[in-house]
PDB file of N, CA and C in Angstrom:
ATOM      1  N   MET A   1     -27.512 -38.946 -13.594  1.00  0.00           N
ATOM      2  CA  MET A   1     -27.131 -37.231 -14.722  1.00  0.00           C
ATOM      3  C   MET A   1     -27.195 -36.390 -13.911  1.00  0.00           C
ATOM      4  N   ARG A   2     -27.920 -35.976 -13.600  1.00  0.00           N
ATOM      5  CA  ARG A   2     -27.589 -34.634 -12.422  1.00  0.00           C
ATOM      6  C   ARG A   2     -27.040 -34.858 -11.242  1.00  0.00           C
ATOM      7  N   PHE A   3     -26.922 -36.014 -10.723  1.00  0.00           N
ATOM      8  CA  PHE A   3     -25.422 -36.044  -9.961  1.00  0.00           C
ATOM      9  C   PHE A   3     -24.073 -35.820 -10.442  1.00  0.00           C
ATOM     10  N   GLY A   4     -23.989 -36.580 -11.404  1.00  0.00           N
ATOM     11  CA  GLY A   4     -22.738 -36.387 -12.561  1.00  0.00           C
ATOM     12  C   GLY A   4     -22.308 -34.769 -12.431  1.00  0.00           C
ATOM     13  N   LEU A   5     -23.479 -33.939 -13.382  1.00  0.00           N
ATOM     14  CA  LEU A   5     -23.584 -32.611 -12.959  1.00  0.00           C
ATOM     15  C   LEU A   5     -22.888 -31.486 -12.297  1.00  0.00           C
ATOM     16  N   ILE A   6     -23.771 -31.896 -10.897  1.00  0.00           N
ATOM     17  CA  ILE A   6     -22.754 -31.239  -9.962  1.00  0.00           C
ATOM     18  C   ILE A   6     -21.854 -31.535  -9.209  1.00  0.00           C
ATOM     19  N   ALA A   7     -21.335 -33.228  -9.584  1.00  0.00           N
ATOM     20  CA  ALA A   7     -20.243 -33.674  -8.909  1.00  0.00           C
ATOM     21  C   ALA A   7     -18.950 -32.738  -9.658  1.00  0.00           C
ATOM     22  N   ALA A   8     -19.048 -32.491 -11.011  1.00  0.00           N
ATOM     23  CA  ALA A   8     -18.153 -32.479 -12.093  1.00  0.00           C
ATOM     24  C   ALA A   8     -18.056 -30.398 -11.596  1.00  0.00           C
ATOM     25  N   ALA A   9     -19.483 -29.892 -11.984  1.00  0.00           N
ATOM     26  CA  ALA A   9     -19.027 -28.442 -11.407  1.00  0.00           C
ATOM     27  C   ALA A   9     -18.296 -28.245  -9.834  1.00  0.00           C
ATOM     28  N   ALA A  10     -18.732 -29.288  -9.131  1.00  0.00           N
ATOM     29  CA  ALA A  10     -18.101 -29.145  -7.620  1.00  0.00           C
ATOM     30  C   ALA A  10     -16.573 -28.985  -7.918  1.00  0.00           C
ATOM     31  N   ALA A  11     -16.121 -30.554  -8.754  1.00  0.00           N
ATOM     32  CA  ALA A  11     -14.502 -30.574  -9.179  1.00  0.00           C
ATOM     33  C   ALA A  11     -13.857 -29.305  -9.448  1.00  0.00           C
ATOM     34  N   LEU A  12     -14.623 -28.672 -10.621  1.00  0.00           N
ATOM     35  CA  LEU A  12     -14.115 -27.236 -11.180  1.00  0.00           C
ATOM     36  C   LEU A  12     -13.905 -26.467 -10.694  1.00  0.00           C
ATOM     37  N   LEU A  13     -14.987 -25.685  -9.280  1.00  0.00           N
ATOM     38  CA  LEU A  13     -14.712 -24.711  -8.568  1.00  0.00           C
ATOM     39  C   LEU A  13     -13.465 -24.993  -7.435  1.00  0.00           C
ATOM     40  N   ALA A  14     -13.382 -26.312  -7.328  1.00  0.00           N
ATOM     41  CA  ALA A  14     -12.782 -26.633  -6.470  1.00  0.00           C
ATOM     42  C   ALA A  14     -11.312 -26.806  -6.909  1.00  0.00           C
ATOM     43  N   ALA A  15     -11.046 -27.274  -8.094  1.00  0.00           N
ATOM     44  CA  ALA A  15      -9.346 -26.606  -8.817  1.00  0.00           C
ATOM     45  C   ALA A  15      -9.651 -25.312  -8.999  1.00  0.00           C
ATOM     46  N   ALA A  16     -10.247 -24.375  -9.539  1.00  0.00           N
ATOM     47  CA  ALA A  16     -10.074 -22.944  -9.719  1.00  0.00           C
ATOM     48  C   ALA A  16      -9.200 -22.597  -8.887  1.00  0.00           C
ATOM     49  N   PRO A  17      -7.860 -21.949  -9.283  1.00  0.00           N
ATOM     50  CA  PRO A  17      -7.470 -20.958  -8.431  1.00  0.00           C
ATOM     51  C   PRO A  17      -7.922 -19.795  -7.611  1.00  0.00           C
ATOM     52  N   ALA A  18      -7.405 -19.315  -6.550  1.00  0.00           N
ATOM     53  CA  ALA A  18      -8.108 -18.143  -5.652  1.00  0.00           C
ATOM     54  C   ALA A  18      -7.528 -17.105  -6.492  1.00  0.00           C
ATOM     55  N   LEU A  19      -8.228 -16.256  -6.685  1.00  0.00           N
ATOM     56  CA  LEU A  19      -8.307 -14.648  -7.111  1.00  0.00           C
ATOM     57  C   LEU A  19      -8.010 -13.633  -6.472  1.00  0.00           C
ATOM     58  N   ALA A  20      -7.548 -13.860  -5.381  1.00  0.00           N
ATOM     59  CA  ALA A  20      -7.877 -12.620  -4.708  1.00  0.00           C
ATOM     60  C   ALA A  20      -6.866 -11.615  -4.707  1.00  0.00           C
ATOM     61  N   HIS A  21      -7.108 -10.727  -4.530  1.00  0.00           N
ATOM     62  CA  HIS A  21      -6.163  -9.248  -4.671  1.00  0.00           C
ATOM     63  C   HIS A  21      -5.384  -8.826  -3.032  1.00  0.00           C
ATOM     64  N   PRO A  22      -4.421  -8.746  -3.782  1.00  0.00           N
ATOM     65  CA  PRO A  22      -3.871  -7.822  -2.041  1.00  0.00           C
ATOM     66  C   PRO A  22      -4.501  -6.672  -1.550  1.00  0.00           C
ATOM     67  N   LYS A  23      -4.960  -7.001  -0.211  1.00  0.00           N
ATOM     68  CA  LYS A  23      -5.913  -5.571   0.653  1.00  0.00           C
ATOM     69  C   LYS A  23      -4.863  -5.019   1.633  1.00  0.00           C
ATOM     70  N   LEU A  24      -4.830  -3.669   1.746  1.00  0.00           N
ATOM     71  CA  LEU A  24      -4.215  -2.794   2.731  1.00  0.00           C
ATOM     72  C   LEU A  24      -4.883  -3.130   3.896  1.00  0.00           C
ATOM     73  N   VAL A  25      -4.197  -3.734   5.226  1.00  0.00           N
ATOM     74  CA  VAL A  25      -4.709  -4.057   6.202  1.00  0.00           C
ATOM     75  C   VAL A  25      -4.597  -3.525   6.974  1.00  0.00           C
ATOM     76  N   SER A  26      -3.279  -2.659   7.605  1.00  0.00           N
ATOM     77  CA  SER A  26      -3.046  -1.715   8.120  1.00  0.00           C
ATOM     78  C   SER A  26      -1.584  -0.821   7.926  1.00  0.00           C
ATOM     79  N   ALA A  27      -2.165   0.381   8.276  1.00  0.00           N
ATOM     80  CA  ALA A  27      -0.867   1.266   7.820  1.00  0.00           C
ATOM     81  C   ALA A  27      -0.213   2.336   8.943  1.00  0.00           C
ATOM     82  N   THR A  28       0.847   2.760   8.813  1.00  0.00           N
ATOM     83  CA  THR A  28       1.442   3.552  10.315  1.00  0.00           C
ATOM     84  C   THR A  28       2.379   4.448   9.464  1.00  0.00           C
ATOM     85  N   PRO A  29       1.808   6.045   9.446  1.00  0.00           N
ATOM     86  CA  PRO A  29       0.565   6.708  10.494  1.00  0.00           C
ATOM     87  C   PRO A  29      -0.545   6.256   9.221  1.00  0.00           C
ATOM     88  N   ALA A  30      -1.727   6.015  10.177  1.00  0.00           N
ATOM     89  CA  ALA A  30      -3.009   5.599   9.559  1.00  0.00           C
ATOM     90  C   ALA A  30      -3.397   6.597   8.549  1.00  0.00           C
ATOM     91  N   PRO A  31      -4.318   6.452   8.105  1.00  0.00           N
ATOM     92  CA  PRO A  31      -5.131   7.498   6.809  1.00  0.00           C
ATOM     93  C   PRO A  31      -5.824   8.250   7.538  1.00  0.00           C
ATOM     94  N   ASN A  32      -5.833   9.579   7.106  1.00  0.00           N
ATOM     95  CA  ASN A  32      -6.420  10.793   7.629  1.00  0.00           C
ATOM     96  C   ASN A  32      -6.088  11.079   9.003  1.00  0.00           C
ATOM     97  N   SER A  33      -4.837  10.032   9.826  1.00  0.00           N
ATOM     98  CA  SER A  33      -4.106  11.110  10.855  1.00  0.00           C
ATOM     99  C   SER A  33      -3.316  11.904  11.242  1.00  0.00           C
ATOM    100  N   VAL A  34      -3.028  12.700  12.265  1.00  0.00           N
ATOM    101  CA  VAL A  34      -2.442  13.456  12.741  1.00  0.00           C
ATOM    102  C   VAL A  34      -1.286  13.165  13.491  1.00  0.00           C
ATOM    103  N   VAL A  35       0.129  13.340  13.240  1.00  0.00           N
ATOM    104  CA  VAL A  35       1.157  12.419  13.547  1.00  0.00           C
ATOM    105  C   VAL A  35       2.311  13.607  13.857  1.00  0.00           C
ATOM    106  N   ALA A  36       3.391  13.319  14.987  1.00  0.00           N
ATOM    107  CA  ALA A  36       4.466  13.877  14.857  1.00  0.00           C
ATOM    108  C   ALA A  36       5.134  13.201  13.583  1.00  0.00           C
ATOM    109  N   ALA A  37       6.139  13.829  13.326  1.00  0.00           N
ATOM    110  CA  ALA A  37       7.132  13.755  12.246  1.00  0.00           C
ATOM    111  C   ALA A  37       7.496  11.942  12.591  1.00  0.00           C
ATOM    112  N   PRO A  38       6.815  11.106  11.799  1.00  0.00           N
ATOM    113  CA  PRO A  38       7.650   9.465  11.278  1.00  0.00           C
ATOM    114  C   PRO A  38       8.826   9.451  11.503  1.00  0.00           C
ATOM    115  N   ALA A  39       9.381   8.418  11.888  1.00  0.00           N
ATOM    116  CA  ALA A  39      11.177   7.799  11.175  1.00  0.00           C
ATOM    117  C   ALA A  39      10.947   6.939   9.515  1.00  0.00           C
ATOM    118  N   LYS A  40       9.561   6.108  10.047  1.00  0.00           N
ATOM    119  CA  LYS A  40       9.324   5.364   8.661  1.00  0.00           C
ATOM    120  C   LYS A  40       7.755   5.324   8.728  1.00  0.00           C
ATOM    121  N   LEU A  41       7.525   4.997   7.383  1.00  0.00           N
ATOM    122  CA  LEU A  41       5.985   4.436   6.907  1.00  0.00           C
ATOM    123  C   LEU A  41       5.886   2.844   6.464  1.00  0.00           C
ATOM    124  N   GLN A  42       4.669   2.731   6.876  1.00  0.00           N
ATOM    125  CA  GLN A  42       4.559   0.943   7.178  1.00  0.00           C
ATOM    126  C   GLN A  42       3.549   0.824   6.339  1.00  0.00           C
ATOM    127  N   LEU A  43       3.193   0.273   5.231  1.00  0.00           N
ATOM    128  CA  LEU A  43       2.190  -0.456   4.889  1.00  0.00           C
ATOM    129  C   LEU A  43       1.499  -2.305   4.907  1.00  0.00           C
ATOM    130  N   THR A  44       1.232  -2.635   5.651  1.00  0.00           N
ATOM    131  CA  THR A  44       0.730  -4.198   5.648  1.00  0.00           C
ATOM    132  C   THR A  44      -0.395  -4.829   4.622  1.00  0.00           C
ATOM    133  N   PHE A  45       0.037  -5.668   4.275  1.00  0.00           N
ATOM    134  CA  PHE A  45      -1.402  -6.062   2.968  1.00  0.00           C
ATOM    135  C   PHE A  45      -1.594  -7.730   3.359  1.00  0.00           C
ATOM    136  N   SER A  46      -2.713  -8.000   2.847  1.00  0.00           N
ATOM    137  CA  SER A  46      -3.266  -9.081   2.955  1.00  0.00           C
ATOM    138  C   SER A  46      -2.531 -10.409   2.396  1.00  0.00           C
ATOM    139  N   GLU A  47      -1.592 -10.102   1.612  1.00  0.00           N
ATOM    140  CA  GLU A  47      -1.015 -10.905   0.757  1.00  0.00           C
ATOM    141  C   GLU A  47       0.481 -11.136   0.654  1.00  0.00           C
ATOM    142  N   THR A  48       1.299 -11.918   0.437  1.00  0.00           N
ATOM    143  CA  THR A  48       2.742 -11.772   0.245  1.00  0.00           C
ATOM    144  C   THR A  48       3.008 -10.926  -1.373  1.00  0.00           C
ATOM    145  N   LEU A  49       3.629  -9.800  -1.343  1.00  0.00           N
ATOM    146  CA  LEU A  49       4.113  -9.328  -2.614  1.00  0.00           C
ATOM    147  C   LEU A  49       5.100  -9.606  -3.019  1.00  0.00           C
ATOM    148  N   VAL A  50       4.772  -9.261  -4.429  1.00  0.00           N
ATOM    149  CA  VAL A  50       6.242  -9.442  -4.920  1.00  0.00           C
ATOM    150  C   VAL A  50       7.269  -7.855  -5.090  1.00  0.00           C
ATOM    151  N   ALA A  51       8.668  -7.941  -4.830  1.00  0.00           N
ATOM    152  CA  ALA A  51       9.230  -6.699  -4.019  1.00  0.00           C
ATOM    153  C   ALA A  51       9.586  -6.239  -5.068  1.00  0.00           C
ATOM    154  N   ASN A  52       9.937  -5.952  -6.715  1.00  0.00           N
ATOM    155  CA  ASN A  52      10.166  -5.732  -7.474  1.00  0.00           C
ATOM    156  C   ASN A  52       9.368  -4.684  -8.272  1.00  0.00           C
ATOM    157  N   PHE A  53       7.887  -5.138  -8.157  1.00  0.00           N
ATOM    158  CA  PHE A  53       6.940  -4.662  -8.579  1.00  0.00           C
ATOM    159  C   PHE A  53       5.819  -4.022  -7.301  1.00  0.00           C
ATOM    160  N   SER A  54       6.576  -3.676  -6.487  1.00  0.00           N
ATOM    161  CA  SER A  54       5.632  -3.117  -4.605  1.00  0.00           C
ATOM    162  C   SER A  54       6.726  -2.208  -4.758  1.00  0.00           C
ATOM    163  N   GLY A  55       5.693  -0.744  -4.488  1.00  0.00           N
ATOM    164  CA  GLY A  55       6.134   0.193  -3.884  1.00  0.00           C
ATOM    165  C   GLY A  55       5.224   1.620  -3.076  1.00  0.00           C
ATOM    166  N   ALA A  56       5.980   2.683  -3.043  1.00  0.00           N
ATOM    167  CA  ALA A  56       5.044   4.156  -2.493  1.00  0.00           C
ATOM    168  C   ALA A  56       5.742   4.886  -3.223  1.00  0.00           C
ATOM    169  N   ASP A  57       4.981   6.101  -3.373  1.00  0.00           N
ATOM    170  CA  ASP A  57       5.747   7.759  -3.030  1.00  0.00           C
ATOM    171  C   ASP A  57       4.636   8.042  -2.269  1.00  0.00           C
ATOM    172  N   LEU A  58       5.529   9.258  -1.687  1.00  0.00           N
ATOM    173  CA  LEU A  58       4.889  10.174  -0.672  1.00  0.00           C
ATOM    174  C   LEU A  58       5.375  11.790  -1.761  1.00  0.00           C
ATOM    175  N   VAL A  59       4.234  12.278  -1.089  1.00  0.00           N
ATOM    176  CA  VAL A  59       3.842  14.094  -2.047  1.00  0.00           C
ATOM    177  C   VAL A  59       3.638  14.753  -0.676  1.00  0.00           C
ATOM    178  N   MET A  60       4.101  15.753  -0.633  1.00  0.00           N
ATOM    179  CA  MET A  60       3.562  16.897  -0.114  1.00  0.00           C
ATOM    180  C   MET A  60       3.131  17.670  -0.407  1.00  0.00           C
ATOM    181  N   THR A  61       1.254  17.646   0.099  1.00  0.00           N
ATOM    182  CA  THR A  61       0.141  18.114  -0.459  1.00  0.00           C
ATOM    183  C   THR A  61      -0.240  19.719   0.377  1.00  0.00           C
ATOM    184  N   ASP A  62       0.495  20.074   1.034  1.00  0.00           N
ATOM    185  CA  ASP A  62       0.159  21.304   2.061  1.00  0.00           C
ATOM    186  C   ASP A  62       1.470  21.758   2.751  1.00  0.00           C
ATOM    187  N   MET A  63       1.724  22.847   2.918  1.00  0.00           N
ATOM    188  CA  MET A  63       2.734  23.624   4.058  1.00  0.00           C
ATOM    189  C   MET A  63       1.919  24.387   4.672  1.00  0.00           C
ATOM    190  N   PRO A  64       1.937  24.577   6.146  1.00  0.00           N
ATOM    191  CA  PRO A  64       1.598  25.683   6.915  1.00  0.00           C
ATOM    192  C   PRO A  64       2.334  27.170   6.286  1.00  0.00           C
ATOM    193  N   GLY A  65       1.650  27.575   6.279  1.00  0.00           N
ATOM    194  CA  GLY A  65       2.275  29.557   5.517  1.00  0.00           C
ATOM    195  C   GLY A  65       2.937  29.833   4.385  1.00  0.00           C
ATOM    196  N   MET A  66       2.867  28.349   3.349  1.00  0.00           N
ATOM    197  CA  MET A  66       2.948  28.874   2.023  1.00  0.00           C
ATOM    198  C   MET A  66       2.033  28.262   0.660  1.00  0.00           C
ATOM    199  N   LYS A  67       2.046  28.639   0.204  1.00  0.00           N
ATOM    200  CA  LYS A  67       1.250  28.274  -0.887  1.00  0.00           C
ATOM    201  C   LYS A  67       1.501  27.348  -1.897  1.00  0.00           C
ATOM    202  N   MET A  68       1.388  26.289  -2.151  1.00  0.00           N
ATOM    203  CA  MET A  68       1.877  25.605  -3.252  1.00  0.00           C
ATOM    204  C   MET A  68       0.840  25.323  -4.217  1.00  0.00           C
ATOM    205  N   SER A  69       1.129  25.112  -5.312  1.00  0.00           N
ATOM    206  CA  SER A  69       0.891  25.331  -6.358  1.00  0.00           C
ATOM    207  C   SER A  69       0.660  23.497  -7.462  1.00  0.00           C
ATOM    208  N   SER A  70       1.795  22.872  -6.560  1.00  0.00           N
ATOM    209  CA  SER A  70       1.257  21.561  -6.953  1.00  0.00           C
ATOM    210  C   SER A  70       1.894  20.666  -5.699  1.00  0.00           C
ATOM    211  N   PRO A  71       1.286  19.321  -5.386  1.00  0.00           N
ATOM    212  CA  PRO A  71       2.415  18.635  -4.726  1.00  0.00           C
ATOM    213  C   PRO A  71       3.901  18.445  -4.768  1.00  0.00           C
ATOM    214  N   HIS A  72       5.161  18.324  -3.708  1.00  0.00           N
ATOM    215  CA  HIS A  72       5.610  18.199  -3.891  1.00  0.00           C
ATOM    216  C   HIS A  72       6.180  16.600  -3.575  1.00  0.00           C
ATOM    217  N   LYS A  73       7.218  15.979  -4.183  1.00  0.00           N
ATOM    218  CA  LYS A  73       7.580  14.474  -4.398  1.00  0.00           C
ATOM    219  C   LYS A  73       8.396  14.702  -2.906  1.00  0.00           C
ATOM    220  N   MET A  74       8.597  13.837  -2.044  1.00  0.00           N
ATOM    221  CA  MET A  74       9.544  13.465  -1.099  1.00  0.00           C
ATOM    222  C   MET A  74      10.568  12.763  -1.561  1.00  0.00           C
ATOM    223  N   ALA A  75      11.567  13.010  -1.057  1.00  0.00           N
ATOM    224  CA  ALA A  75      12.884  11.511  -1.267  1.00  0.00           C
ATOM    225  C   ALA A  75      12.601  10.582  -0.301  1.00  0.00           C
ATOM    226  N   VAL A  76      12.398   9.187  -0.740  1.00  0.00           N
ATOM    227  CA  VAL A  76      12.096   8.005  -0.039  1.00  0.00           C
ATOM    228  C   VAL A  76      12.657   6.863  -0.678  1.00  0.00           C
ATOM    229  N   THR A  77      13.011   5.779   0.413  1.00  0.00           N
ATOM    230  CA  THR A  77      13.243   4.410  -0.214  1.00  0.00           C
ATOM    231  C   THR A  77      12.354   3.714   0.365  1.00  0.00           C
ATOM    232  N   THR A  78      11.532   2.567  -0.558  1.00  0.00           N
ATOM    233  CA  THR A  78      10.899   1.708  -0.098  1.00  0.00           C
ATOM    234  C   THR A  78      11.334  -0.073  -0.507  1.00  0.00           C
ATOM    235  N   ALA A  79      11.027  -0.509   0.682  1.00  0.00           N
ATOM    236  CA  ALA A  79      11.705  -2.187   0.452  1.00  0.00           C
ATOM    237  C   ALA A  79      10.641  -3.210   1.203  1.00  0.00           C
ATOM    238  N   LEU A  80      11.035  -4.292   0.955  1.00  0.00           N
ATOM    239  CA  LEU A  80       9.984  -5.284   1.948  1.00  0.00           C
ATOM    240  C   LEU A  80      10.544  -5.543   2.916  1.00  0.00           C
ATOM    241  N   ALA A  81       9.777  -5.856   3.980  1.00  0.00           N
ATOM    242  CA  ALA A  81       9.683  -6.185   5.073  1.00  0.00           C
ATOM    243  C   ALA A  81      10.050  -7.870   5.072  1.00  0.00           C
ATOM    244  N   PRO A  82      10.751  -8.390   6.005  1.00  0.00           N
ATOM    245  CA  PRO A  82      10.825  -9.937   6.168  1.00  0.00           C
ATOM    246  C   PRO A  82       9.803 -10.747   5.983  1.00  0.00           C
ATOM    247  N   ASP A  83       8.425 -10.049   6.338  1.00  0.00           N
ATOM    248  CA  ASP A  83       7.360 -10.858   6.368  1.00  0.00           C
ATOM    249  C   ASP A  83       7.042 -11.149   4.973  1.00  0.00           C
ATOM    250  N   GLY A  84       7.246 -10.076   4.145  1.00  0.00           N
ATOM    251  CA  GLY A  84       7.093 -10.261   2.672  1.00  0.00           C
ATOM    252  C   GLY A  84       5.185  -9.544   2.106  1.00  0.00           C
ATOM    253  N   LYS A  85       5.058  -9.360   3.431  1.00  0.00           N
ATOM    254  CA  LYS A  85       3.752  -8.307   3.360  1.00  0.00           C
ATOM    255  C   LYS A  85       3.698  -7.156   3.820  1.00  0.00           C
ATOM    256  N   THR A  86       4.605  -6.402   3.995  1.00  0.00           N
ATOM    257  CA  THR A  86       4.698  -5.188   4.866  1.00  0.00           C
ATOM    258  C   THR A  86       5.647  -4.190   3.832  1.00  0.00           C
ATOM    259  N   VAL A  87       5.367  -3.116   3.119  1.00  0.00           N
ATOM    260  CA  VAL A  87       6.220  -2.211   1.917  1.00  0.00           C
ATOM    261  C   VAL A  87       6.440  -1.568   3.891  1.00  0.00           C
ATOM    262  N   VAL A  88       7.984  -1.219   3.509  1.00  0.00           N
ATOM    263  CA  VAL A  88       8.400  -0.026   4.624  1.00  0.00           C
ATOM    264  C   VAL A  88       8.813   1.368   3.689  1.00  0.00           C
ATOM    265  N   VAL A  89       8.773   2.483   4.163  1.00  0.00           N
ATOM    266  CA  VAL A  89       9.280   3.531   3.108  1.00  0.00           C
ATOM    267  C   VAL A  89       9.728   4.410   4.265  1.00  0.00           C
ATOM    268  N   THR A  90      11.156   4.606   3.821  1.00  0.00           N
ATOM    269  CA  THR A  90      11.973   4.983   4.442  1.00  0.00           C
ATOM    270  C   THR A  90      12.528   6.329   4.234  1.00  0.00           C
ATOM    271  N   LEU A  91      12.452   7.577   5.196  1.00  0.00           N
ATOM    272  CA  LEU A  91      12.541   9.115   4.180  1.00  0.00           C
ATOM    273  C   LEU A  91      13.662   9.498   4.636  1.00  0.00           C
ATOM    274  N   ALA A  92      13.948  10.254   3.766  1.00  0.00           N
ATOM    275  CA  ALA A  92      15.584  10.644   3.562  1.00  0.00           C
ATOM    276  C   ALA A  92      16.080  11.691   4.551  1.00  0.00           C
ATOM    277  N   LYS A  93      15.031  12.176   5.252  1.00  0.00           N
ATOM    278  CA  LYS A  93      15.028  13.226   6.250  1.00  0.00           C
ATOM    279  C   LYS A  93      13.757  13.544   7.092  1.00  0.00           C
ATOM    280  N   PRO A  94      13.609  14.384   8.063  1.00  0.00           N
ATOM    281  CA  PRO A  94      12.357  14.296   8.800  1.00  0.00           C
ATOM    282  C   PRO A  94      11.190  14.867   8.149  1.00  0.00           C
ATOM    283  N   LEU A  95      10.356  14.671   7.930  1.00  0.00           N
ATOM    284  CA  LEU A  95       9.353  15.376   7.142  1.00  0.00           C
ATOM    285  C   LEU A  95       8.750  16.606   7.896  1.00  0.00           C
ATOM    286  N   PRO A  96       8.681  18.082   7.243  1.00  0.00           N
ATOM    287  CA  PRO A  96       8.337  18.949   8.339  1.00  0.00           C
ATOM    288  C   PRO A  96       6.768  19.308   8.168  1.00  0.00           C
ATOM    289  N   ARG A  97       6.084  20.130   9.164  1.00  0.00           N
ATOM    290  CA  ARG A  97       5.009  20.238   9.591  1.00  0.00           C
ATOM    291  C   ARG A  97       4.092  20.041   8.199  1.00  0.00           C
ATOM    292  N   GLY A  98       2.834  19.440   7.459  1.00  0.00           N
ATOM    293  CA  GLY A  98       2.196  19.789   6.756  1.00  0.00           C
ATOM    294  C   GLY A  98       1.224  18.594   6.231  1.00  0.00           C
ATOM    295  N   GLY A  99       0.250  18.359   4.929  1.00  0.00           N
ATOM    296  CA  GLY A  99      -0.295  17.245   4.909  1.00  0.00           C
ATOM    297  C   GLY A  99       0.666  16.481   3.496  1.00  0.00           C
ATOM    298  N   TYR A 100       0.199  15.346   3.874  1.00  0.00           N
ATOM    299  CA  TYR A 100       0.757  14.249   2.682  1.00  0.00           C
ATOM    300  C   TYR A 100      -0.162  13.393   2.386  1.00  0.00           C
ATOM    301  N   ARG A 101       0.538  13.160   0.882  1.00  0.00           N
ATOM    302  CA  ARG A 101      -0.210  11.818   0.123  1.00  0.00           C
ATOM    303  C   ARG A 101       0.499  10.500   0.348  1.00  0.00           C
ATOM    304  N   LEU A 102       0.349   9.351   0.511  1.00  0.00           N
ATOM    305  CA  LEU A 102       1.181   8.519  -0.043  1.00  0.00           C
ATOM    306  C   LEU A 102       0.622   7.808  -1.069  1.00  0.00           C
ATOM    307  N   ASP A 103       0.737   7.689  -2.195  1.00  0.00           N
ATOM    308  CA  ASP A 103       0.596   7.102  -3.011  1.00  0.00           C
ATOM    309  C   ASP A 103       1.226   5.379  -3.180  1.00  0.00           C
ATOM    310  N   TRP A 104       0.545   4.180  -3.481  1.00  0.00           N
ATOM    311  CA  TRP A 104       1.282   2.977  -3.072  1.00  0.00           C
ATOM    312  C   TRP A 104       0.183   2.053  -4.181  1.00  0.00           C
ATOM    313  N   HIS A 105       1.503   1.533  -4.637  1.00  0.00           N
ATOM    314  CA  HIS A 105       1.394   0.322  -5.463  1.00  0.00           C
ATOM    315  C   HIS A 105       1.585  -1.466  -5.498  1.00  0.00           C
ATOM    316  N   VAL A 106       1.594  -2.639  -5.053  1.00  0.00           N
ATOM    317  CA  VAL A 106       1.504  -3.534  -4.960  1.00  0.00           C
ATOM    318  C   VAL A 106       1.279  -4.598  -6.018  1.00  0.00           C
ATOM    319  N   VAL A 107       1.802  -5.677  -6.412  1.00  0.00           N
ATOM    320  CA  VAL A 107       1.864  -6.979  -7.051  1.00  0.00           C
ATOM    321  C   VAL A 107       1.919  -8.040  -6.110  1.00  0.00           C
ATOM    322  N   SER A 108       1.098  -8.676  -5.968  1.00  0.00           N
ATOM    323  CA  SER A 108       1.473  -9.890  -4.985  1.00  0.00           C
ATOM    324  C   SER A 108       1.312 -11.167  -6.084  1.00  0.00           C
ATOM    325  N   THR A 109       1.846 -12.612  -5.469  1.00  0.00           N
ATOM    326  CA  THR A 109       2.110 -13.682  -6.544  1.00  0.00           C
ATOM    327  C   THR A 109       0.953 -13.551  -7.359  1.00  0.00           C
ATOM    328  N   ASP A 110      -0.448 -13.072  -7.295  1.00  0.00           N
ATOM    329  CA  ASP A 110      -1.564 -13.524  -8.440  1.00  0.00           C
ATOM    330  C   ASP A 110      -1.428 -12.644  -9.728  1.00  0.00           C
ATOM    331  N   THR A 111      -0.083 -11.736  -9.471  1.00  0.00           N
ATOM    332  CA  THR A 111       0.433 -10.721 -10.377  1.00  0.00           C
ATOM    333  C   THR A 111      -0.768  -9.712 -11.140  1.00  0.00           C
ATOM    334  N   HIS A 112      -1.568  -9.386 -10.231  1.00  0.00           N
ATOM    335  CA  HIS A 112      -1.930  -8.164 -10.233  1.00  0.00           C
ATOM    336  C   HIS A 112      -1.991  -7.205 -10.006  1.00  0.00           C
ATOM    337  N   ARG A 113      -2.133  -5.825 -10.374  1.00  0.00           N
ATOM    338  CA  ARG A 113      -1.382  -4.805  -9.484  1.00  0.00           C
ATOM    339  C   ARG A 113      -2.616  -4.167  -8.673  1.00  0.00           C
ATOM    340  N   VAL A 114      -2.048  -3.632  -7.612  1.00  0.00           N
ATOM    341  CA  VAL A 114      -3.096  -2.706  -7.134  1.00  0.00           C
ATOM    342  C   VAL A 114      -2.677  -1.607  -6.388  1.00  0.00           C
ATOM    343  N   GLN A 115      -3.376  -0.944  -6.533  1.00  0.00           N
ATOM    344  CA  GLN A 115      -3.123   0.521  -5.601  1.00  0.00           C
ATOM    345  C   GLN A 115      -4.090   1.433  -5.053  1.00  0.00           C
ATOM    346  N   GLY A 116      -3.500   2.249  -4.396  1.00  0.00           N
ATOM    347  CA  GLY A 116      -4.324   3.589  -3.867  1.00  0.00           C
ATOM    348  C   GLY A 116      -3.663   4.527  -2.966  1.00  0.00           C
ATOM    349  N   SER A 117      -4.376   5.313  -2.100  1.00  0.00           N
ATOM    350  CA  SER A 117      -3.457   6.299  -1.497  1.00  0.00           C
ATOM    351  C   SER A 117      -4.398   6.732  -0.132  1.00  0.00           C
ATOM    352  N   TYR A 118      -3.778   7.285   0.282  1.00  0.00           N
ATOM    353  CA  TYR A 118      -4.468   8.034   1.489  1.00  0.00           C
ATOM    354  C   TYR A 118      -3.310   8.995   2.404  1.00  0.00           C
ATOM    355  N   ALA A 119      -4.304  10.062   2.835  1.00  0.00           N
ATOM    356  CA  ALA A 119      -3.835  11.076   3.533  1.00  0.00           C
ATOM    357  C   ALA A 119      -3.605  11.018   4.630  1.00  0.00           C
ATOM    358  N   PHE A 120      -2.339  12.124   5.573  1.00  0.00           N
ATOM    359  CA  PHE A 120      -2.157  11.977   6.907  1.00  0.00           C
ATOM    360  C   PHE A 120      -1.453  13.444   6.742  1.00  0.00           C
ATOM    361  N   LYS A 121      -1.068  13.632   8.551  1.00  0.00           N
ATOM    362  CA  LYS A 121      -0.783  15.665   8.478  1.00  0.00           C
ATOM    363  C   LYS A 121       0.464  14.888   9.443  1.00  0.00           C
ATOM    364  N   VAL A 122       1.348  16.040   9.480  1.00  0.00           N
ATOM    365  CA  VAL A 122       2.327  16.207  10.295  1.00  0.00           C
ATOM    366  C   VAL A 122       2.267  17.632  10.873  1.00  0.00           C
ATOM    367  N   LYS A 123       2.144  17.155  12.195  1.00  0.00           N
ATOM    368  CA  LYS A 123       1.877  18.677  13.176  1.00  0.00           C
ATOM    369  C   LYS A 123       3.546  18.747  13.714  1.00  0.00           C
TER     370      LYS A 123
END
C-alpha cells in the first residue's frame, strides 16, 4: 500500500507541467551601467517568448543641465530576435546624454506575464 502511494505521487509529479517563468538572463546595456549612446538595446530571457505580448518602453529620467518634472518617453520599436528569446529595442534616434529606465514585459509559452525595469546612463 505504501509503495503504491509513493508510486502514484511520483507519477503525478512527473506529469505536472513545468511552471517556470522567463527570467532576464542578460541585457545590453547592462543594468546600472554608463555607456556611449547605444544603437539598440537587447534583453535576453531564459525561455522562448510570445512576440505579440512582449516588448519594452524606454524613458529618459534625467538630462544633465535640465530639470525634468517627469520622465520623458523615448520613441522606440521592439521586435523579437530570431532566437525567440531576445527582445531587441531599436531607437528612433540616438540617445542624448542622461539617465534612462528601460521598462520591459514579456510572456513566454506558459502564458504568464513577467515584467521588470532597470536604469542605465548615457555619457
